[in-house]
Amino acid sequence: MASLSFFFFLLLSADLLSLSVSKATKPTCSPPLQLNSAIPIDPKDTDQIQFALNLEHLETELFLYGALGLGLDSVAPQLAQGGPPPIGAQKANLDDRTRRIIEEFGYQEVGHLRAIKSTVGGFPRPPLDLRSENFAKLFDQAFGFNLDPPFDPYVSTVNFLLASYAVPYVGLVAYVGTAPNLNGYVSKGLIASLLAVESGQDAVIRTLLYEQADEYLKPYNFTVAEFTNRISDLRNRLGSCGIKDEGVIVPQELGAEKKTTSNILSADANSRAYARIPAEILRIVYGTGSEYKPGGFLPNGGDGKVARDFLN
């Protein structure tokens, strides 16, 4: 009888232990509760986050049109909020692999617009200039003379990748610059998740260009790597705040730990992402070197309080 009691005792102990372990190891899928004093979205966060819509709209239209020949008005017209369609955007002559990648990026940007506008509100799509002539002007500015023939972003896969190289990275460094200034935990979570995807897009574009880095871009006498270096140098000049942009091949002293010349991910001496403030972003996207003088991809200037404050 004693042995039988001991047996039941062992079974009961095993059940209790199993229950205890089960509770202790139950998977958790939600972040810890915020303190009562924590703020989901600080009022000061809203303007900073909405500023990114200028770049997100630009990327959305470039990618969707490049891959599909149609833009936000065909995919998610409500997110345009009645803003004018971009001028000059068109379907690019892409190989099938790149077309599928760019199409995915386009749909991702639609999601970014929805995420921002559903979280902090927003403004209508601003006027955007995606004409080939506008890109040609940008690349002429990068080289310091007029390319012959003028650069056309839509004529080939590599040309479109170079045009794309000129855009998403600006959004990436803008998010890095915004993050430290946010107070709300929802705001921080939103920017972190957007930054992760923007970083991935930029890495893919840079990798595809790196694969062709030593090839000459026909009909020009410059390699693909040289094109990336020229665009990066131009953005550094326009931004006017030092080196925060690098091409896909760099001198070894600028490589990771000064040991590489490959530069798939543009980063500082500690391999941290560079950051830019809104004024720098506008100087670059306007192509004028001044946050007070619109032009380039945003001919009428950016929208939202942050951009408009520079124009008023």
C-alpha atoms as a PDB file:
ATOM      1  CA  MET A   1       0.000   0.000   0.000  1.00  0.00           C
ATOM      2  CA  ALA A   2       2.876   2.311   0.850  1.00  0.00           C
ATOM      3  CA  SER A   3       4.497   1.658  -2.518  1.00  0.00           C
ATOM      4  CA  LEU A   4       1.194   2.431  -4.289  1.00  0.00           C
ATOM      5  CA  SER A   5       0.882   5.749  -2.434  1.00  0.00           C
ATOM      6  CA  PHE A   6       4.450   6.593  -3.367  1.00  0.00           C
ATOM      7  CA  PHE A   7       3.653   5.824  -7.014  1.00  0.00           C
ATOM      8  CA  PHE A   8       0.682   8.247  -7.012  1.00  0.00           C
ATOM      9  CA  PHE A   9       2.883  10.832  -5.309  1.00  0.00           C
ATOM     10  CA  LEU A  10       5.397  10.559  -8.138  1.00  0.00           C
ATOM     11  CA  LEU A  11       2.660  10.932 -10.748  1.00  0.00           C
ATOM     12  CA  LEU A  12       1.236  13.999  -9.013  1.00  0.00           C
ATOM     13  CA  SER A  13       4.694  15.536  -8.709  1.00  0.00           C
ATOM     14  CA  ALA A  14       5.361  14.914 -12.395  1.00  0.00           C
ATOM     15  CA  ASP A  15       2.070  16.567 -13.373  1.00  0.00           C
ATOM     16  CA  LEU A  16       2.761  19.597 -11.213  1.00  0.00           C
ATOM     17  CA  LEU A  17       6.270  19.899 -12.636  1.00  0.00           C
ATOM     18  CA  SER A  18       4.934  19.596 -16.180  1.00  0.00           C
ATOM     19  CA  LEU A  19       2.330  22.291 -15.493  1.00  0.00           C
ATOM     20  CA  SER A  20       4.971  24.556 -13.978  1.00  0.00           C
ATOM     21  CA  VAL A  21       7.337  24.118 -16.928  1.00  0.00           C
ATOM     22  CA  SER A  22       4.459  24.645 -19.388  1.00  0.00           C
ATOM     23  CA  LYS A  23       3.546  27.973 -17.795  1.00  0.00           C
ATOM     24  CA  ALA A  24       7.161  29.053 -17.610  1.00  0.00           C
ATOM     25  CA  THR A  25       7.876  28.281 -21.256  1.00  0.00           C
ATOM     26  CA  LYS A  26       4.586  29.421 -22.793  1.00  0.00           C
ATOM     27  CA  PRO A  27       5.550  31.389 -25.914  1.00  0.00           C
ATOM     28  CA  THR A  28       4.964  35.137 -25.806  1.00  0.00           C
ATOM     29  CA  CYS A  29       4.045  37.016 -28.958  1.00  0.00           C
ATOM     30  CA  SER A  30       3.430  40.541 -27.672  1.00  0.00           C
ATOM     31  CA  PRO A  31       5.863  43.171 -26.405  1.00  0.00           C
ATOM     32  CA  PRO A  32       5.858  43.920 -22.681  1.00  0.00           C
ATOM     33  CA  LEU A  33       3.239  46.365 -21.447  1.00  0.00           C
ATOM     34  CA  GLN A  34       4.298  49.989 -21.602  1.00  0.00           C
ATOM     35  CA  LEU A  35       4.492  52.096 -18.472  1.00  0.00           C
ATOM     36  CA  ASN A  36       1.421  54.202 -17.746  1.00  0.00           C
ATOM     37  CA  SER A  37       3.542  57.255 -18.510  1.00  0.00           C
ATOM     38  CA  ALA A  38       4.531  55.953 -21.962  1.00  0.00           C
ATOM     39  CA  ILE A  39       3.104  57.785 -24.976  1.00  0.00           C
ATOM     40  CA  PRO A  40       1.988  55.868 -28.094  1.00  0.00           C
ATOM     41  CA  ILE A  41       2.465  58.815 -30.481  1.00  0.00           C
ATOM     42  CA  ASP A  42       3.837  62.086 -29.221  1.00  0.00           C
ATOM     43  CA  PRO A  43       2.260  65.072 -31.049  1.00  0.00           C
ATOM     44  CA  LYS A  44       5.769  66.159 -32.032  1.00  0.00           C
ATOM     45  CA  ASP A  45       6.320  62.811 -33.752  1.00  0.00           C
ATOM     46  CA  THR A  46       3.568  63.277 -36.306  1.00  0.00           C
ATOM     47  CA  ASP A  47       5.191  65.974 -38.433  1.00  0.00           C
ATOM     48  CA  GLN A  48       8.519  64.143 -38.489  1.00  0.00           C
ATOM     49  CA  ILE A  49       6.948  60.888 -39.623  1.00  0.00           C
ATOM     50  CA  GLN A  50       4.702  62.549 -42.204  1.00  0.00           C
ATOM     51  CA  PHE A  51       7.776  64.121 -43.795  1.00  0.00           C
ATOM     52  CA  ALA A  52       8.736  60.644 -45.018  1.00  0.00           C
ATOM     53  CA  LEU A  53       5.604  60.544 -47.194  1.00  0.00           C
ATOM     54  CA  ASN A  54       7.371  62.776 -49.715  1.00  0.00           C
ATOM     55  CA  LEU A  55       9.973  60.062 -50.292  1.00  0.00           C
ATOM     56  CA  GLU A  56       7.569  57.147 -49.974  1.00  0.00           C
ATOM     57  CA  HIS A  57       5.330  58.608 -52.693  1.00  0.00           C
ATOM     58  CA  LEU A  58       8.364  59.126 -54.907  1.00  0.00           C
ATOM     59  CA  GLU A  59       9.567  55.545 -54.458  1.00  0.00           C
ATOM     60  CA  THR A  60       6.069  54.125 -54.919  1.00  0.00           C
ATOM     61  CA  GLU A  61       5.582  55.748 -58.303  1.00  0.00           C
ATOM     62  CA  LEU A  62       9.105  55.046 -59.549  1.00  0.00           C
ATOM     63  CA  PHE A  63       8.919  51.343 -58.717  1.00  0.00           C
ATOM     64  CA  LEU A  64       5.326  50.707 -59.787  1.00  0.00           C
ATOM     65  CA  TYR A  65       5.684  52.506 -63.093  1.00  0.00           C
ATOM     66  CA  GLY A  66       9.112  50.998 -63.727  1.00  0.00           C
ATOM     67  CA  ALA A  67       7.817  47.455 -63.275  1.00  0.00           C
ATOM     68  CA  LEU A  68       4.167  47.696 -64.375  1.00  0.00           C
ATOM     69  CA  GLY A  69       3.747  50.861 -66.378  1.00  0.00           C
ATOM     70  CA  LEU A  70       1.108  52.090 -63.948  1.00  0.00           C
ATOM     71  CA  GLY A  71       1.164  53.765 -60.575  1.00  0.00           C
ATOM     72  CA  LEU A  72      -0.627  54.356 -57.304  1.00  0.00           C
ATOM     73  CA  ASP A  73      -3.814  55.526 -59.024  1.00  0.00           C
ATOM     74  CA  SER A  74      -4.248  52.017 -60.424  1.00  0.00           C
ATOM     75  CA  VAL A  75      -3.079  50.055 -57.388  1.00  0.00           C
ATOM     76  CA  ALA A  76      -4.360  51.980 -54.358  1.00  0.00           C
ATOM     77  CA  PRO A  77      -5.901  55.289 -55.511  1.00  0.00           C
ATOM     78  CA  GLN A  78      -7.228  56.170 -52.059  1.00  0.00           C
ATOM     79  CA  LEU A  79      -3.648  56.574 -50.811  1.00  0.00           C
ATOM     80  CA  ALA A  80      -2.974  59.306 -53.386  1.00  0.00           C
ATOM     81  CA  GLN A  81      -5.700  61.365 -51.679  1.00  0.00           C
ATOM     82  CA  GLY A  82      -6.381  63.254 -54.888  1.00  0.00           C
ATOM     83  CA  GLY A  83      -2.784  64.368 -55.434  1.00  0.00           C
ATOM     84  CA  PRO A  84      -1.701  64.838 -59.068  1.00  0.00           C
ATOM     85  CA  PRO A  85      -0.223  61.857 -60.935  1.00  0.00           C
ATOM     86  CA  PRO A  86       3.538  61.958 -61.488  1.00  0.00           C
ATOM     87  CA  ILE A  87       4.751  63.399 -64.770  1.00  0.00           C
ATOM     88  CA  GLY A  88       6.996  61.405 -67.072  1.00  0.00           C
ATOM     89  CA  ALA A  89       6.887  58.063 -65.239  1.00  0.00           C
ATOM     90  CA  GLN A  90       6.919  55.056 -67.548  1.00  0.00           C
ATOM     91  CA  LYS A  91       7.537  51.331 -67.722  1.00  0.00           C
ATOM     92  CA  ALA A  92      11.224  50.457 -67.870  1.00  0.00           C
ATOM     93  CA  ASN A  93      12.833  47.909 -70.178  1.00  0.00           C
ATOM     94  CA  LEU A  94      13.718  45.436 -67.410  1.00  0.00           C
ATOM     95  CA  ASP A  95      14.809  41.824 -67.491  1.00  0.00           C
ATOM     96  CA  ASP A  96      12.294  39.479 -65.876  1.00  0.00           C
ATOM     97  CA  ARG A  97      14.180  38.956 -62.592  1.00  0.00           C
ATOM     98  CA  THR A  98      14.645  42.666 -61.994  1.00  0.00           C
ATOM     99  CA  ARG A  99      11.077  43.440 -63.017  1.00  0.00           C
ATOM    100  CA  ARG A 100       9.751  41.060 -60.366  1.00  0.00           C
ATOM    101  CA  ILE A 101      12.045  42.584 -57.733  1.00  0.00           C
ATOM    102  CA  ILE A 102      11.020  46.147 -58.579  1.00  0.00           C
ATOM    103  CA  GLU A 103       7.353  45.165 -58.678  1.00  0.00           C
ATOM    104  CA  GLU A 104       7.687  43.748 -55.155  1.00  0.00           C
ATOM    105  CA  PHE A 105       9.378  46.950 -54.014  1.00  0.00           C
ATOM    106  CA  GLY A 106       6.504  48.964 -55.504  1.00  0.00           C
ATOM    107  CA  TYR A 107       3.896  47.035 -53.575  1.00  0.00           C
ATOM    108  CA  GLN A 108       5.996  47.359 -50.424  1.00  0.00           C
ATOM    109  CA  GLU A 109       5.963  51.115 -50.836  1.00  0.00           C
ATOM    110  CA  VAL A 110       2.169  51.043 -51.105  1.00  0.00           C
ATOM    111  CA  GLY A 111       2.189  49.303 -47.734  1.00  0.00           C
ATOM    112  CA  HIS A 112       4.491  51.971 -46.327  1.00  0.00           C
ATOM    113  CA  LEU A 113       2.122  54.721 -47.408  1.00  0.00           C
ATOM    114  CA  ARG A 114      -0.780  52.897 -45.797  1.00  0.00           C
ATOM    115  CA  ALA A 115       1.171  52.261 -42.596  1.00  0.00           C
ATOM    116  CA  ILE A 116       2.140  55.910 -42.175  1.00  0.00           C
ATOM    117  CA  LYS A 117      -1.204  57.422 -43.136  1.00  0.00           C
ATOM    118  CA  SER A 118      -3.205  55.016 -40.987  1.00  0.00           C
ATOM    119  CA  THR A 119      -0.954  55.721 -37.999  1.00  0.00           C
ATOM    120  CA  VAL A 120      -0.295  59.472 -38.074  1.00  0.00           C
ATOM    121  CA  GLY A 121      -2.371  60.740 -41.001  1.00  0.00           C
ATOM    122  CA  GLY A 122      -0.845  62.388 -44.024  1.00  0.00           C
ATOM    123  CA  PHE A 123      -1.253  64.577 -47.062  1.00  0.00           C
ATOM    124  CA  PRO A 124      -2.061  64.033 -50.754  1.00  0.00           C
ATOM    125  CA  ARG A 125       0.633  62.820 -53.125  1.00  0.00           C
ATOM    126  CA  PRO A 126       2.822  65.834 -53.966  1.00  0.00           C
ATOM    127  CA  PRO A 127       3.654  66.750 -57.580  1.00  0.00           C
ATOM    128  CA  LEU A 128       6.470  64.440 -58.728  1.00  0.00           C
ATOM    129  CA  ASP A 129       8.768  64.781 -61.738  1.00  0.00           C
ATOM    130  CA  LEU A 130       9.914  61.368 -63.010  1.00  0.00           C
ATOM    131  CA  ARG A 131      10.650  62.397 -66.578  1.00  0.00           C
ATOM    132  CA  SER A 132      13.740  60.900 -68.163  1.00  0.00           C
ATOM    133  CA  GLU A 133      14.924  64.478 -68.739  1.00  0.00           C
ATOM    134  CA  ASN A 134      14.901  65.091 -65.004  1.00  0.00           C
ATOM    135  CA  PHE A 135      17.043  62.016 -64.363  1.00  0.00           C
ATOM    136  CA  ALA A 136      19.359  63.084 -67.183  1.00  0.00           C
ATOM    137  CA  LYS A 137      19.817  66.450 -65.481  1.00  0.00           C
ATOM    138  CA  LEU A 138      20.656  64.685 -62.211  1.00  0.00           C
ATOM    139  CA  PHE A 139      23.293  62.464 -63.821  1.00  0.00           C
ATOM    140  CA  ASP A 140      24.774  65.393 -65.748  1.00  0.00           C
ATOM    141  CA  GLN A 141      25.061  67.214 -62.440  1.00  0.00           C
ATOM    142  CA  ALA A 142      26.786  64.179 -60.927  1.00  0.00           C
ATOM    143  CA  PHE A 143      29.386  63.985 -63.697  1.00  0.00           C
ATOM    144  CA  GLY A 144      29.861  67.723 -64.085  1.00  0.00           C
ATOM    145  CA  PHE A 145      29.100  67.690 -67.815  1.00  0.00           C
ATOM    146  CA  ASN A 146      26.314  66.630 -70.146  1.00  0.00           C
ATOM    147  CA  LEU A 147      26.318  62.923 -70.904  1.00  0.00           C
ATOM    148  CA  ASP A 148      25.886  62.061 -74.560  1.00  0.00           C
ATOM    149  CA  PRO A 149      23.322  60.694 -75.146  1.00  0.00           C
ATOM    150  CA  PRO A 150      21.390  61.990 -72.131  1.00  0.00           C
ATOM    151  CA  PHE A 151      20.932  59.371 -69.422  1.00  0.00           C
ATOM    152  CA  ASP A 152      17.595  57.550 -69.746  1.00  0.00           C
ATOM    153  CA  PRO A 153      16.483  55.602 -66.644  1.00  0.00           C
ATOM    154  CA  TYR A 154      13.866  53.599 -68.512  1.00  0.00           C
ATOM    155  CA  VAL A 155      15.929  52.274 -71.417  1.00  0.00           C
ATOM    156  CA  SER A 156      17.542  49.254 -69.717  1.00  0.00           C
ATOM    157  CA  THR A 157      17.766  47.230 -66.523  1.00  0.00           C
ATOM    158  CA  VAL A 158      21.079  48.680 -65.383  1.00  0.00           C
ATOM    159  CA  ASN A 159      19.957  52.235 -66.142  1.00  0.00           C
ATOM    160  CA  PHE A 160      16.836  51.763 -64.054  1.00  0.00           C
ATOM    161  CA  LEU A 161      18.845  50.254 -61.199  1.00  0.00           C
ATOM    162  CA  LEU A 162      21.119  53.308 -61.256  1.00  0.00           C
ATOM    163  CA  ALA A 163      18.059  55.578 -61.197  1.00  0.00           C
ATOM    164  CA  SER A 164      16.707  53.536 -58.282  1.00  0.00           C
ATOM    165  CA  TYR A 165      20.088  53.816 -56.563  1.00  0.00           C
ATOM    166  CA  ALA A 166      19.486  57.556 -56.506  1.00  0.00           C
ATOM    167  CA  VAL A 167      16.235  57.277 -54.508  1.00  0.00           C
ATOM    168  CA  PRO A 168      15.666  54.627 -51.746  1.00  0.00           C
ATOM    169  CA  TYR A 169      18.940  55.301 -49.933  1.00  0.00           C
ATOM    170  CA  VAL A 170      17.803  58.861 -49.298  1.00  0.00           C
ATOM    171  CA  GLY A 171      14.733  57.491 -47.534  1.00  0.00           C
ATOM    172  CA  LEU A 172      16.877  55.086 -45.534  1.00  0.00           C
ATOM    173  CA  VAL A 173      19.167  57.761 -44.081  1.00  0.00           C
ATOM    174  CA  ALA A 174      16.129  59.974 -43.437  1.00  0.00           C
ATOM    175  CA  TYR A 175      14.591  57.284 -41.227  1.00  0.00           C
ATOM    176  CA  VAL A 176      17.884  56.799 -39.393  1.00  0.00           C
ATOM    177  CA  GLY A 177      17.975  60.540 -38.756  1.00  0.00           C
ATOM    178  CA  THR A 178      14.363  60.630 -37.587  1.00  0.00           C
ATOM    179  CA  ALA A 179      14.434  57.700 -35.165  1.00  0.00           C
ATOM    180  CA  PRO A 180      16.368  59.334 -32.269  1.00  0.00           C
ATOM    181  CA  ASN A 181      13.983  62.301 -32.219  1.00  0.00           C
ATOM    182  CA  LEU A 182      10.789  60.301 -31.698  1.00  0.00           C
ATOM    183  CA  ASN A 183       9.160  59.952 -28.276  1.00  0.00           C
ATOM    184  CA  GLY A 184       6.176  57.651 -28.759  1.00  0.00           C
ATOM    185  CA  TYR A 185       6.627  53.892 -28.641  1.00  0.00           C
ATOM    186  CA  VAL A 186       4.213  53.400 -31.557  1.00  0.00           C
ATOM    187  CA  SER A 187       6.137  56.031 -33.531  1.00  0.00           C
ATOM    188  CA  LYS A 188       9.450  54.295 -32.853  1.00  0.00           C
ATOM    189  CA  GLY A 189       8.043  50.910 -33.807  1.00  0.00           C
ATOM    190  CA  LEU A 190       6.654  52.267 -37.075  1.00  0.00           C
ATOM    191  CA  ILE A 191       9.917  53.894 -38.124  1.00  0.00           C
ATOM    192  CA  ALA A 192      11.978  50.846 -37.134  1.00  0.00           C
ATOM    193  CA  SER A 193       9.833  48.551 -39.273  1.00  0.00           C
ATOM    194  CA  LEU A 194       9.878  50.914 -42.263  1.00  0.00           C
ATOM    195  CA  LEU A 195      13.629  51.396 -41.971  1.00  0.00           C
ATOM    196  CA  ALA A 196      14.218  47.641 -42.014  1.00  0.00           C
ATOM    197  CA  VAL A 197      12.463  47.232 -45.361  1.00  0.00           C
ATOM    198  CA  GLU A 198      14.009  50.368 -46.905  1.00  0.00           C
ATOM    199  CA  SER A 199      17.422  49.042 -45.910  1.00  0.00           C
ATOM    200  CA  GLY A 200      16.672  45.731 -47.562  1.00  0.00           C
ATOM    201  CA  GLN A 201      15.593  47.403 -50.783  1.00  0.00           C
ATOM    202  CA  ASP A 202      18.738  49.503 -50.877  1.00  0.00           C
ATOM    203  CA  ALA A 203      20.915  46.437 -50.222  1.00  0.00           C
ATOM    204  CA  VAL A 204      19.303  44.522 -53.082  1.00  0.00           C
ATOM    205  CA  ILE A 205      19.737  47.411 -55.529  1.00  0.00           C
ATOM    206  CA  ARG A 206      23.363  47.904 -54.493  1.00  0.00           C
ATOM    207  CA  THR A 207      24.059  44.171 -54.792  1.00  0.00           C
ATOM    208  CA  LEU A 208      22.607  44.006 -58.293  1.00  0.00           C
ATOM    209  CA  LEU A 209      24.774  46.971 -59.290  1.00  0.00           C
ATOM    210  CA  TYR A 210      27.837  45.495 -57.588  1.00  0.00           C
ATOM    211  CA  GLU A 211      27.485  42.378 -59.742  1.00  0.00           C
ATOM    212  CA  GLN A 212      28.084  44.649 -62.752  1.00  0.00           C
ATOM    213  CA  ALA A 213      30.420  47.109 -61.035  1.00  0.00           C
ATOM    214  CA  ASP A 214      33.337  46.681 -63.460  1.00  0.00           C
ATOM    215  CA  GLU A 215      31.222  46.662 -66.609  1.00  0.00           C
ATOM    216  CA  TYR A 216      31.007  49.765 -68.754  1.00  0.00           C
ATOM    217  CA  LEU A 217      27.570  51.293 -69.099  1.00  0.00           C
ATOM    218  CA  LYS A 218      26.971  51.579 -72.821  1.00  0.00           C
ATOM    219  CA  PRO A 219      27.388  53.887 -74.627  1.00  0.00           C
ATOM    220  CA  TYR A 220      29.352  55.766 -71.953  1.00  0.00           C
ATOM    221  CA  ASN A 221      33.012  55.319 -71.102  1.00  0.00           C
ATOM    222  CA  PHE A 222      32.303  54.846 -67.395  1.00  0.00           C
ATOM    223  CA  THR A 223      31.781  51.726 -65.305  1.00  0.00           C
ATOM    224  CA  VAL A 224      28.683  51.029 -63.250  1.00  0.00           C
ATOM    225  CA  ALA A 225      30.779  51.533 -60.102  1.00  0.00           C
ATOM    226  CA  GLU A 226      31.830  54.972 -61.328  1.00  0.00           C
ATOM    227  CA  PHE A 227      28.181  55.909 -61.848  1.00  0.00           C
ATOM    228  CA  THR A 228      27.377  54.960 -58.244  1.00  0.00           C
ATOM    229  CA  ASN A 229      30.382  56.927 -56.996  1.00  0.00           C
ATOM    230  CA  ARG A 230      29.346  60.011 -58.940  1.00  0.00           C
ATOM    231  CA  ILE A 231      25.770  59.897 -57.618  1.00  0.00           C
ATOM    232  CA  SER A 232      26.992  59.381 -54.048  1.00  0.00           C
ATOM    233  CA  ASP A 233      29.474  62.236 -54.369  1.00  0.00           C
ATOM    234  CA  LEU A 234      26.715  64.483 -55.688  1.00  0.00           C
ATOM    235  CA  ARG A 235      24.443  63.670 -52.766  1.00  0.00           C
ATOM    236  CA  ASN A 236      27.267  64.447 -50.353  1.00  0.00           C
ATOM    237  CA  ARG A 237      27.826  67.805 -52.057  1.00  0.00           C
ATOM    238  CA  LEU A 238      24.142  68.665 -52.077  1.00  0.00           C
ATOM    239  CA  GLY A 239      23.642  67.527 -48.500  1.00  0.00           C
ATOM    240  CA  SER A 240      26.569  69.737 -47.388  1.00  0.00           C
ATOM    241  CA  CYS A 241      27.222  67.725 -44.220  1.00  0.00           C
ATOM    242  CA  GLY A 242      30.238  65.592 -45.082  1.00  0.00           C
ATOM    243  CA  ILE A 243      30.460  62.008 -46.303  1.00  0.00           C
ATOM    244  CA  LYS A 244      27.219  60.149 -45.666  1.00  0.00           C
ATOM    245  CA  ASP A 245      27.009  58.357 -48.980  1.00  0.00           C
ATOM    246  CA  GLU A 246      29.359  55.971 -50.803  1.00  0.00           C
ATOM    247  CA  GLY A 247      29.362  53.993 -54.040  1.00  0.00           C
ATOM    248  CA  VAL A 248      29.480  50.213 -54.350  1.00  0.00           C
ATOM    249  CA  ILE A 249      33.283  50.160 -54.606  1.00  0.00           C
ATOM    250  CA  VAL A 250      35.381  52.394 -52.355  1.00  0.00           C
ATOM    251  CA  PRO A 251      39.045  52.934 -51.430  1.00  0.00           C
ATOM    252  CA  GLN A 252      40.072  50.403 -48.790  1.00  0.00           C
ATOM    253  CA  GLU A 253      40.315  53.087 -46.098  1.00  0.00           C
ATOM    254  CA  LEU A 254      36.534  53.573 -46.453  1.00  0.00           C
ATOM    255  CA  GLY A 255      35.705  49.859 -46.500  1.00  0.00           C
ATOM    256  CA  ALA A 256      34.507  47.786 -43.540  1.00  0.00           C
ATOM    257  CA  GLU A 257      37.274  47.880 -40.900  1.00  0.00           C
ATOM    258  CA  LYS A 258      39.480  49.291 -43.679  1.00  0.00           C
ATOM    259  CA  LYS A 259      39.801  45.773 -45.070  1.00  0.00           C
ATOM    260  CA  THR A 260      37.455  45.736 -48.069  1.00  0.00           C
ATOM    261  CA  THR A 261      36.880  47.699 -51.232  1.00  0.00           C
ATOM    262  CA  SER A 262      33.446  46.194 -51.762  1.00  0.00           C
ATOM    263  CA  ASN A 263      30.739  48.410 -50.314  1.00  0.00           C
ATOM    264  CA  ILE A 264      27.421  46.611 -50.639  1.00  0.00           C
ATOM    265  CA  LEU A 265      26.156  48.417 -47.540  1.00  0.00           C
ATOM    266  CA  SER A 266      27.105  52.062 -47.183  1.00  0.00           C
ATOM    267  CA  ALA A 267      28.129  52.662 -43.566  1.00  0.00           C
ATOM    268  CA  ASP A 268      30.446  54.684 -41.331  1.00  0.00           C
ATOM    269  CA  ALA A 269      33.713  53.635 -39.668  1.00  0.00           C
ATOM    270  CA  ASN A 270      31.797  51.532 -37.135  1.00  0.00           C
ATOM    271  CA  SER A 271      29.552  50.031 -39.834  1.00  0.00           C
ATOM    272  CA  ARG A 272      26.587  52.063 -38.614  1.00  0.00           C
ATOM    273  CA  ALA A 273      24.103  53.520 -41.069  1.00  0.00           C
ATOM    274  CA  TYR A 274      24.521  57.186 -41.899  1.00  0.00           C
ATOM    275  CA  ALA A 275      21.795  59.620 -40.816  1.00  0.00           C
ATOM    276  CA  ARG A 276      20.438  62.775 -42.423  1.00  0.00           C
ATOM    277  CA  ILE A 277      18.088  65.448 -41.115  1.00  0.00           C
ATOM    278  CA  PRO A 278      15.136  66.745 -43.208  1.00  0.00           C
ATOM    279  CA  ALA A 279      17.042  69.811 -44.427  1.00  0.00           C
ATOM    280  CA  GLU A 280      19.739  67.573 -45.922  1.00  0.00           C
ATOM    281  CA  ILE A 281      17.134  65.329 -47.528  1.00  0.00           C
ATOM    282  CA  LEU A 282      15.411  68.263 -49.204  1.00  0.00           C
ATOM    283  CA  ARG A 283      18.701  69.683 -50.502  1.00  0.00           C
ATOM    284  CA  ILE A 284      19.338  66.345 -52.198  1.00  0.00           C
ATOM    285  CA  VAL A 285      15.847  65.516 -53.498  1.00  0.00           C
ATOM    286  CA  TYR A 286      15.371  69.061 -54.810  1.00  0.00           C
ATOM    287  CA  GLY A 287      18.762  68.818 -56.507  1.00  0.00           C
ATOM    288  CA  THR A 288      19.395  72.456 -55.618  1.00  0.00           C
ATOM    289  CA  GLY A 289      21.514  72.110 -52.500  1.00  0.00           C
ATOM    290  CA  SER A 290      19.003  74.275 -50.651  1.00  0.00           C
ATOM    291  CA  GLU A 291      16.017  73.232 -48.555  1.00  0.00           C
ATOM    292  CA  TYR A 292      14.499  76.602 -49.465  1.00  0.00           C
ATOM    293  CA  LYS A 293      14.631  76.078 -53.255  1.00  0.00           C
ATOM    294  CA  PRO A 294      12.406  73.322 -54.695  1.00  0.00           C
ATOM    295  CA  GLY A 295      13.227  71.407 -57.838  1.00  0.00           C
ATOM    296  CA  GLY A 296      14.294  67.983 -58.991  1.00  0.00           C
ATOM    297  CA  PHE A 297      11.859  65.223 -58.093  1.00  0.00           C
ATOM    298  CA  LEU A 298       9.656  67.623 -56.089  1.00  0.00           C
ATOM    299  CA  PRO A 299       9.262  70.617 -58.421  1.00  0.00           C
ATOM    300  CA  ASN A 300       6.770  72.366 -56.129  1.00  0.00           C
ATOM    301  CA  GLY A 301       8.567  71.375 -52.951  1.00  0.00           C
ATOM    302  CA  GLY A 302       7.775  68.753 -50.374  1.00  0.00           C
ATOM    303  CA  ASP A 303       4.524  68.674 -48.452  1.00  0.00           C
ATOM    304  CA  GLY A 304       3.831  68.421 -44.723  1.00  0.00           C
ATOM    305  CA  LYS A 305       4.766  70.904 -42.016  1.00  0.00           C
ATOM    306  CA  VAL A 306       8.499  70.079 -41.919  1.00  0.00           C
ATOM    307  CA  ALA A 307       9.043  70.702 -45.635  1.00  0.00           C
ATOM    308  CA  ARG A 308       6.623  73.604 -45.867  1.00  0.00           C
ATOM    309  CA  ASP A 309       8.215  75.475 -42.998  1.00  0.00           C
ATOM    310  CA  PHE A 310      11.328  75.912 -45.147  1.00  0.00           C
ATOM    311  CA  LEU A 311       9.251  77.433 -47.950  1.00  0.00           C
ATOM    312  CA  ASN A 312       7.111  79.842 -45.926  1.00  0.00           C
END
